[in-house]
């Protein structure tokens, strides 16, 4: 797979985006990014808290996911 993402990580991101879309989110956004936006916008905080516990080894996982989405880091280089 070209780019900086491994095949496994790309598949996990795609599955994450699918679950997010199934639950009414934007189809190209991860659950972590959505959780960060919700907390930032005072919608709800519990998803961010749960995800941050699950990804305890990554400091500010949800914020980093949001920034990755915002900057298009998961897109192919020619689409950035």
PDB file of N, CA and C in Angstrom:
ATOM      1  N   UNK A   1       0.843  -1.176   0.000  1.00  0.00           N
ATOM      2  CA  UNK A   1       0.000   0.000   0.000  1.00  0.00           C
ATOM      3  C   UNK A   1       0.890   1.241   0.000  1.00  0.00           C
ATOM      4  N   UNK A   2       0.690   2.146  -0.932  1.00  0.00           N
ATOM      5  CA  UNK A   2       1.486   3.366  -0.968  1.00  0.00           C
ATOM      6  C   UNK A   2       1.158   4.279   0.210  1.00  0.00           C
ATOM      7  N   UNK A   3       2.075   5.150   0.524  1.00  0.00           N
ATOM      8  CA  UNK A   3       1.830   6.134   1.577  1.00  0.00           C
ATOM      9  C   UNK A   3       2.389   5.713   2.913  1.00  0.00           C
ATOM     10  N   UNK A   4       2.073   6.502   3.919  1.00  0.00           N
ATOM     11  CA  UNK A   4       2.645   6.294   5.237  1.00  0.00           C
ATOM     12  C   UNK A   4       1.816   5.345   6.111  1.00  0.00           C
ATOM     13  N   UNK A   5       0.598   4.981   5.699  1.00  0.00           N
ATOM     14  CA  UNK A   5      -0.233   4.081   6.492  1.00  0.00           C
ATOM     15  C   UNK A   5       0.055   2.629   6.139  1.00  0.00           C
ATOM     16  N   UNK A   6       0.136   1.792   7.153  1.00  0.00           N
ATOM     17  CA  UNK A   6       0.257   0.364   6.892  1.00  0.00           C
ATOM     18  C   UNK A   6      -1.109  -0.163   6.448  1.00  0.00           C
ATOM     19  N   UNK A   7      -1.114  -1.318   5.829  1.00  0.00           N
ATOM     20  CA  UNK A   7      -2.362  -1.923   5.377  1.00  0.00           C
ATOM     21  C   UNK A   7      -3.306  -2.145   6.558  1.00  0.00           C
ATOM     22  N   UNK A   8      -2.786  -2.680   7.647  1.00  0.00           N
ATOM     23  CA  UNK A   8      -3.613  -2.950   8.821  1.00  0.00           C
ATOM     24  C   UNK A   8      -4.242  -1.697   9.400  1.00  0.00           C
ATOM     25  N   UNK A   9      -3.451  -0.634   9.510  1.00  0.00           N
ATOM     26  CA  UNK A   9      -3.987   0.614  10.062  1.00  0.00           C
ATOM     27  C   UNK A   9      -5.030   1.212   9.125  1.00  0.00           C
ATOM     28  N   UNK A  10      -4.804   1.114   7.820  1.00  0.00           N
ATOM     29  CA  UNK A  10      -5.770   1.625   6.851  1.00  0.00           C
ATOM     30  C   UNK A  10      -7.102   0.884   6.962  1.00  0.00           C
ATOM     31  N   UNK A  11      -7.051  -0.432   7.152  1.00  0.00           N
ATOM     32  CA  UNK A  11      -8.273  -1.231   7.288  1.00  0.00           C
ATOM     33  C   UNK A  11      -8.991  -0.872   8.593  1.00  0.00           C
ATOM     34  N   UNK A  12      -8.244  -0.689   9.683  1.00  0.00           N
ATOM     35  CA  UNK A  12      -8.863  -0.299  10.955  1.00  0.00           C
ATOM     36  C   UNK A  12      -9.532   1.069  10.859  1.00  0.00           C
ATOM     37  N   UNK A  13      -8.906   2.002  10.185  1.00  0.00           N
ATOM     38  CA  UNK A  13      -9.499   3.333  10.003  1.00  0.00           C
ATOM     39  C   UNK A  13     -10.771   3.230   9.175  1.00  0.00           C
ATOM     40  N   UNK A  14     -10.740   2.430   8.113  1.00  0.00           N
ATOM     41  CA  UNK A  14     -11.927   2.244   7.271  1.00  0.00           C
ATOM     42  C   UNK A  14     -13.075   1.634   8.079  1.00  0.00           C
ATOM     43  N   UNK A  15     -12.773   0.642   8.915  1.00  0.00           N
ATOM     44  CA  UNK A  15     -13.805   0.019   9.755  1.00  0.00           C
ATOM     45  C   UNK A  15     -14.358   1.031  10.757  1.00  0.00           C
ATOM     46  N   UNK A  16     -13.487   1.835  11.331  1.00  0.00           N
ATOM     47  CA  UNK A  16     -13.886   2.880  12.281  1.00  0.00           C
ATOM     48  C   UNK A  16     -14.825   3.876  11.594  1.00  0.00           C
ATOM     49  N   UNK A  17     -14.474   4.288  10.387  1.00  0.00           N
ATOM     50  CA  UNK A  17     -15.312   5.229   9.645  1.00  0.00           C
ATOM     51  C   UNK A  17     -16.666   4.612   9.290  1.00  0.00           C
ATOM     52  N   UNK A  18     -16.673   3.323   8.980  1.00  0.00           N
ATOM     53  CA  UNK A  18     -17.931   2.632   8.690  1.00  0.00           C
ATOM     54  C   UNK A  18     -18.843   2.628   9.914  1.00  0.00           C
ATOM     55  N   UNK A  19     -18.287   2.282  11.068  1.00  0.00           N
ATOM     56  CA  UNK A  19     -19.087   2.274  12.297  1.00  0.00           C
ATOM     57  C   UNK A  19     -19.616   3.685  12.585  1.00  0.00           C
ATOM     58  N   UNK A  20     -18.791   4.692  12.401  1.00  0.00           N
ATOM     59  CA  UNK A  20     -19.222   6.070  12.609  1.00  0.00           C
ATOM     60  C   UNK A  20     -20.382   6.418  11.680  1.00  0.00           C
ATOM     61  N   UNK A  21     -20.292   6.040  10.413  1.00  0.00           N
ATOM     62  CA  UNK A  21     -21.361   6.323   9.457  1.00  0.00           C
ATOM     63  C   UNK A  21     -22.642   5.574   9.818  1.00  0.00           C
ATOM     64  N   UNK A  22     -22.515   4.314  10.244  1.00  0.00           N
ATOM     65  CA  UNK A  22     -23.685   3.522  10.638  1.00  0.00           C
ATOM     66  C   UNK A  22     -24.428   4.206  11.787  1.00  0.00           C
ATOM     67  N   UNK A  23     -23.694   4.853  12.685  1.00  0.00           N
ATOM     68  CA  UNK A  23     -24.300   5.548  13.818  1.00  0.00           C
ATOM     69  C   UNK A  23     -24.601   7.017  13.529  1.00  0.00           C
ATOM     70  N   UNK A  24     -24.696   7.367  12.251  1.00  0.00           N
ATOM     71  CA  UNK A  24     -25.162   8.698  11.867  1.00  0.00           C
ATOM     72  C   UNK A  24     -24.099   9.764  11.726  1.00  0.00           C
ATOM     73  N   UNK A  25     -22.830   9.377  11.752  1.00  0.00           N
ATOM     74  CA  UNK A  25     -21.759  10.368  11.600  1.00  0.00           C
ATOM     75  C   UNK A  25     -21.366  10.575  10.152  1.00  0.00           C
ATOM     76  N   UNK A  26     -20.438  11.486   9.934  1.00  0.00           N
ATOM     77  CA  UNK A  26     -19.922  11.716   8.593  1.00  0.00           C
ATOM     78  C   UNK A  26     -19.172  10.469   8.135  1.00  0.00           C
ATOM     79  N   UNK A  27     -19.365  10.041   6.887  1.00  0.00           N
ATOM     80  CA  UNK A  27     -18.771   8.782   6.431  1.00  0.00           C
ATOM     81  C   UNK A  27     -17.255   8.776   6.355  1.00  0.00           C
ATOM     82  N   UNK A  28     -16.620   9.915   6.310  1.00  0.00           N
ATOM     83  CA  UNK A  28     -15.162   9.958   6.213  1.00  0.00           C
ATOM     84  C   UNK A  28     -14.508  10.406   7.516  1.00  0.00           C
ATOM     85  N   UNK A  29     -15.233  10.282   8.621  1.00  0.00           N
ATOM     86  CA  UNK A  29     -14.700  10.704   9.915  1.00  0.00           C
ATOM     87  C   UNK A  29     -14.639   9.503  10.863  1.00  0.00           C
ATOM     88  N   UNK A  30     -13.623   9.450  11.700  1.00  0.00           N
ATOM     89  CA  UNK A  30     -13.513   8.369  12.676  1.00  0.00           C
ATOM     90  C   UNK A  30     -14.338   8.698  13.922  1.00  0.00           C
ATOM     91  N   UNK A  31     -14.624   7.677  14.693  1.00  0.00           N
ATOM     92  CA  UNK A  31     -15.337   7.868  15.954  1.00  0.00           C
ATOM     93  C   UNK A  31     -14.556   8.776  16.903  1.00  0.00           C
ATOM     94  N   UNK A  32     -13.242   8.640  16.902  1.00  0.00           N
ATOM     95  CA  UNK A  32     -12.402   9.461  17.785  1.00  0.00           C
ATOM     96  C   UNK A  32     -12.503  10.934  17.432  1.00  0.00           C
ATOM     97  N   UNK A  33     -12.472  11.243  16.148  1.00  0.00           N
ATOM     98  CA  UNK A  33     -12.605  12.630  15.706  1.00  0.00           C
ATOM     99  C   UNK A  33     -13.971  13.190  16.085  1.00  0.00           C
ATOM    100  N   UNK A  34     -14.997  12.393  15.880  1.00  0.00           N
ATOM    101  CA  UNK A  34     -16.352  12.810  16.237  1.00  0.00           C
ATOM    102  C   UNK A  34     -16.480  13.042  17.737  1.00  0.00           C
ATOM    103  N   UNK A  35     -15.886  12.153  18.533  1.00  0.00           N
ATOM    104  CA  UNK A  35     -15.927  12.314  19.988  1.00  0.00           C
ATOM    105  C   UNK A  35     -15.244  13.611  20.415  1.00  0.00           C
ATOM    106  N   UNK A  36     -14.123  13.933  19.775  1.00  0.00           N
ATOM    107  CA  UNK A  36     -13.434  15.183  20.099  1.00  0.00           C
ATOM    108  C   UNK A  36     -14.315  16.394  19.756  1.00  0.00           C
ATOM    109  N   UNK A  37     -14.928  16.379  18.563  1.00  0.00           N
ATOM    110  CA  UNK A  37     -15.793  17.498  18.171  1.00  0.00           C
ATOM    111  C   UNK A  37     -16.955  17.660  19.146  1.00  0.00           C
ATOM    112  N   UNK A  38     -17.567  16.540  19.532  1.00  0.00           N
ATOM    113  CA  UNK A  38     -18.668  16.609  20.483  1.00  0.00           C
ATOM    114  C   UNK A  38     -18.220  17.237  21.800  1.00  0.00           C
ATOM    115  N   UNK A  39     -17.103  16.826  22.331  1.00  0.00           N
ATOM    116  CA  UNK A  39     -16.604  17.383  23.597  1.00  0.00           C
ATOM    117  C   UNK A  39     -16.257  18.858  23.425  1.00  0.00           C
ATOM    118  N   UNK A  40     -15.602  19.178  22.328  1.00  0.00           N
ATOM    119  CA  UNK A  40     -15.225  20.573  22.053  1.00  0.00           C
ATOM    120  C   UNK A  40     -16.445  21.482  21.959  1.00  0.00           C
ATOM    121  N   UNK A  41     -17.525  20.956  21.364  1.00  0.00           N
ATOM    122  CA  UNK A  41     -18.729  21.753  21.137  1.00  0.00           C
ATOM    123  C   UNK A  41     -19.772  21.601  22.248  1.00  0.00           C
ATOM    124  N   UNK A  42     -19.379  21.011  23.372  1.00  0.00           N
ATOM    125  CA  UNK A  42     -20.264  20.820  24.533  1.00  0.00           C
ATOM    126  C   UNK A  42     -21.519  20.021  24.200  1.00  0.00           C
ATOM    127  N   UNK A  43     -21.392  19.037  23.307  1.00  0.00           N
ATOM    128  CA  UNK A  43     -22.525  18.167  22.976  1.00  0.00           C
ATOM    129  C   UNK A  43     -22.597  17.028  23.982  1.00  0.00           C
ATOM    130  N   UNK A  44     -21.508  16.253  24.095  1.00  0.00           N
ATOM    131  CA  UNK A  44     -21.391  15.191  25.093  1.00  0.00           C
ATOM    132  C   UNK A  44     -19.918  14.837  25.265  1.00  0.00           C
ATOM    133  N   UNK A  45     -19.575  14.441  26.475  1.00  0.00           N
ATOM    134  CA  UNK A  45     -18.172  14.161  26.804  1.00  0.00           C
ATOM    135  C   UNK A  45     -17.862  12.680  26.954  1.00  0.00           C
ATOM    136  N   UNK A  46     -18.855  11.849  27.265  1.00  0.00           N
ATOM    137  CA  UNK A  46     -18.584  10.457  27.598  1.00  0.00           C
ATOM    138  C   UNK A  46     -17.909   9.664  26.477  1.00  0.00           C
ATOM    139  N   UNK A  47     -18.222   9.890  25.185  1.00  0.00           N
ATOM    140  CA  UNK A  47     -17.492   9.113  24.173  1.00  0.00           C
ATOM    141  C   UNK A  47     -15.984   9.396  24.192  1.00  0.00           C
ATOM    142  N   UNK A  48     -15.621  10.656  24.352  1.00  0.00           N
ATOM    143  CA  UNK A  48     -14.203  11.020  24.405  1.00  0.00           C
ATOM    144  C   UNK A  48     -13.528  10.349  25.596  1.00  0.00           C
ATOM    145  N   UNK A  49     -14.183  10.362  26.736  1.00  0.00           N
ATOM    146  CA  UNK A  49     -13.596   9.751  27.936  1.00  0.00           C
ATOM    147  C   UNK A  49     -13.369   8.256  27.749  1.00  0.00           C
ATOM    148  N   UNK A  50     -14.343   7.577  27.154  1.00  0.00           N
ATOM    149  CA  UNK A  50     -14.207   6.129  26.924  1.00  0.00           C
ATOM    150  C   UNK A  50     -13.069   5.841  25.954  1.00  0.00           C
ATOM    151  N   UNK A  51     -13.031   6.571  24.846  1.00  0.00           N
ATOM    152  CA  UNK A  51     -11.996   6.338  23.832  1.00  0.00           C
ATOM    153  C   UNK A  51     -10.617   6.653  24.383  1.00  0.00           C
ATOM    154  N   UNK A  52     -10.499   7.724  25.153  1.00  0.00           N
ATOM    155  CA  UNK A  52      -9.197   8.086  25.725  1.00  0.00           C
ATOM    156  C   UNK A  52      -8.696   7.010  26.695  1.00  0.00           C
ATOM    157  N   UNK A  53      -9.607   6.354  27.413  1.00  0.00           N
ATOM    158  CA  UNK A  53      -9.212   5.247  28.293  1.00  0.00           C
ATOM    159  C   UNK A  53      -8.771   4.048  27.462  1.00  0.00           C
ATOM    160  N   UNK A  54      -9.512   3.741  26.386  1.00  0.00           N
ATOM    161  CA  UNK A  54      -9.168   2.607  25.536  1.00  0.00           C
ATOM    162  C   UNK A  54      -7.816   2.794  24.841  1.00  0.00           C
ATOM    163  N   UNK A  55      -7.483   4.040  24.512  1.00  0.00           N
ATOM    164  CA  UNK A  55      -6.205   4.361  23.860  1.00  0.00           C
ATOM    165  C   UNK A  55      -5.289   5.083  24.844  1.00  0.00           C
ATOM    166  N   UNK A  56      -5.161   4.533  26.053  1.00  0.00           N
ATOM    167  CA  UNK A  56      -4.421   5.165  27.138  1.00  0.00           C
ATOM    168  C   UNK A  56      -2.970   5.454  26.793  1.00  0.00           C
ATOM    169  N   UNK A  57      -2.369   4.706  25.887  1.00  0.00           N
ATOM    170  CA  UNK A  57      -0.962   4.913  25.542  1.00  0.00           C
ATOM    171  C   UNK A  57      -0.755   6.066  24.554  1.00  0.00           C
ATOM    172  N   UNK A  58      -1.827   6.580  23.959  1.00  0.00           N
ATOM    173  CA  UNK A  58      -1.732   7.712  23.033  1.00  0.00           C
ATOM    174  C   UNK A  58      -2.295   8.959  23.710  1.00  0.00           C
ATOM    175  N   UNK A  59      -1.429   9.886  24.065  1.00  0.00           N
ATOM    176  CA  UNK A  59      -1.878  11.106  24.717  1.00  0.00           C
ATOM    177  C   UNK A  59      -2.753  11.908  23.752  1.00  0.00           C
ATOM    178  N   UNK A  60      -3.924  12.317  24.212  1.00  0.00           N
ATOM    179  CA  UNK A  60      -4.880  13.107  23.439  1.00  0.00           C
ATOM    180  C   UNK A  60      -5.214  12.440  22.101  1.00  0.00           C
ATOM    181  N   UNK A  61      -5.541  11.163  22.156  1.00  0.00           N
ATOM    182  CA  UNK A  61      -5.857  10.387  20.952  1.00  0.00           C
ATOM    183  C   UNK A  61      -6.961  11.043  20.118  1.00  0.00           C
ATOM    184  N   UNK A  62      -8.048  11.449  20.762  1.00  0.00           N
ATOM    185  CA  UNK A  62      -9.181  12.001  20.019  1.00  0.00           C
ATOM    186  C   UNK A  62      -8.838  13.332  19.356  1.00  0.00           C
ATOM    187  N   UNK A  63      -8.117  14.182  20.047  1.00  0.00           N
ATOM    188  CA  UNK A  63      -7.713  15.460  19.440  1.00  0.00           C
ATOM    189  C   UNK A  63      -6.793  15.211  18.250  1.00  0.00           C
ATOM    190  N   UNK A  64      -5.868  14.277  18.401  1.00  0.00           N
ATOM    191  CA  UNK A  64      -4.965  13.951  17.294  1.00  0.00           C
ATOM    192  C   UNK A  64      -5.734  13.371  16.109  1.00  0.00           C
ATOM    193  N   UNK A  65      -6.748  12.565  16.387  1.00  0.00           N
ATOM    194  CA  UNK A  65      -7.576  12.024  15.307  1.00  0.00           C
ATOM    195  C   UNK A  65      -8.329  13.136  14.588  1.00  0.00           C
ATOM    196  N   UNK A  66      -8.853  14.076  15.365  1.00  0.00           N
ATOM    197  CA  UNK A  66      -9.544  15.227  14.771  1.00  0.00           C
ATOM    198  C   UNK A  66      -8.602  16.022  13.870  1.00  0.00           C
ATOM    199  N   UNK A  67      -7.405  16.314  14.381  1.00  0.00           N
ATOM    200  CA  UNK A  67      -6.433  17.073  13.587  1.00  0.00           C
ATOM    201  C   UNK A  67      -6.024  16.304  12.329  1.00  0.00           C
ATOM    202  N   UNK A  68      -5.889  14.994  12.445  1.00  0.00           N
ATOM    203  CA  UNK A  68      -5.559  14.170  11.286  1.00  0.00           C
ATOM    204  C   UNK A  68      -6.654  14.265  10.232  1.00  0.00           C
ATOM    205  N   UNK A  69      -7.908  14.207  10.672  1.00  0.00           N
ATOM    206  CA  UNK A  69      -9.037  14.346   9.743  1.00  0.00           C
ATOM    207  C   UNK A  69      -9.048  15.740   9.122  1.00  0.00           C
ATOM    208  N   UNK A  70      -8.873  16.744   9.953  1.00  0.00           N
ATOM    209  CA  UNK A  70      -8.945  18.134   9.489  1.00  0.00           C
ATOM    210  C   UNK A  70      -7.873  18.433   8.451  1.00  0.00           C
ATOM    211  N   UNK A  71      -6.696  17.866   8.656  1.00  0.00           N
ATOM    212  CA  UNK A  71      -5.576  18.121   7.750  1.00  0.00           C
ATOM    213  C   UNK A  71      -5.492  17.120   6.603  1.00  0.00           C
ATOM    214  N   UNK A  72      -6.379  16.136   6.584  1.00  0.00           N
ATOM    215  CA  UNK A  72      -6.406  15.158   5.505  1.00  0.00           C
ATOM    216  C   UNK A  72      -5.209  14.229   5.474  1.00  0.00           C
ATOM    217  N   UNK A  73      -4.650  13.916   6.640  1.00  0.00           N
ATOM    218  CA  UNK A  73      -3.456  13.073   6.697  1.00  0.00           C
ATOM    219  C   UNK A  73      -3.696  11.650   6.194  1.00  0.00           C
ATOM    220  N   UNK A  74      -4.959  11.217   6.199  1.00  0.00           N
ATOM    221  CA  UNK A  74      -5.254   9.855   5.755  1.00  0.00           C
ATOM    222  C   UNK A  74      -5.586   9.786   4.266  1.00  0.00           C
ATOM    223  N   UNK A  75      -5.602  10.927   3.622  1.00  0.00           N
ATOM    224  CA  UNK A  75      -5.890  10.954   2.187  1.00  0.00           C
ATOM    225  C   UNK A  75      -4.631  10.635   1.388  1.00  0.00           C
ATOM    226  N   UNK A  76      -4.812  10.132   0.186  1.00  0.00           N
ATOM    227  CA  UNK A  76      -3.647   9.957  -0.679  1.00  0.00           C
ATOM    228  C   UNK A  76      -2.984  11.317  -0.914  1.00  0.00           C
ATOM    229  N   UNK A  77      -1.667  11.355  -1.081  1.00  0.00           N
ATOM    230  CA  UNK A  77      -0.969  12.634  -1.235  1.00  0.00           C
ATOM    231  C   UNK A  77      -1.568  13.544  -2.319  1.00  0.00           C
ATOM    232  N   UNK A  78      -2.024  12.953  -3.428  1.00  0.00           N
ATOM    233  CA  UNK A  78      -2.567  13.798  -4.506  1.00  0.00           C
ATOM    234  C   UNK A  78      -3.917  14.423  -4.175  1.00  0.00           C
ATOM    235  N   UNK A  79      -4.549  14.000  -3.078  1.00  0.00           N
ATOM    236  CA  UNK A  79      -5.833  14.591  -2.662  1.00  0.00           C
ATOM    237  C   UNK A  79      -5.682  15.559  -1.498  1.00  0.00           C
ATOM    238  N   UNK A  80      -4.491  15.716  -0.978  1.00  0.00           N
ATOM    239  CA  UNK A  80      -4.292  16.609   0.171  1.00  0.00           C
ATOM    240  C   UNK A  80      -4.221  18.047  -0.255  1.00  0.00           C
TER     241      UNK A  80
END
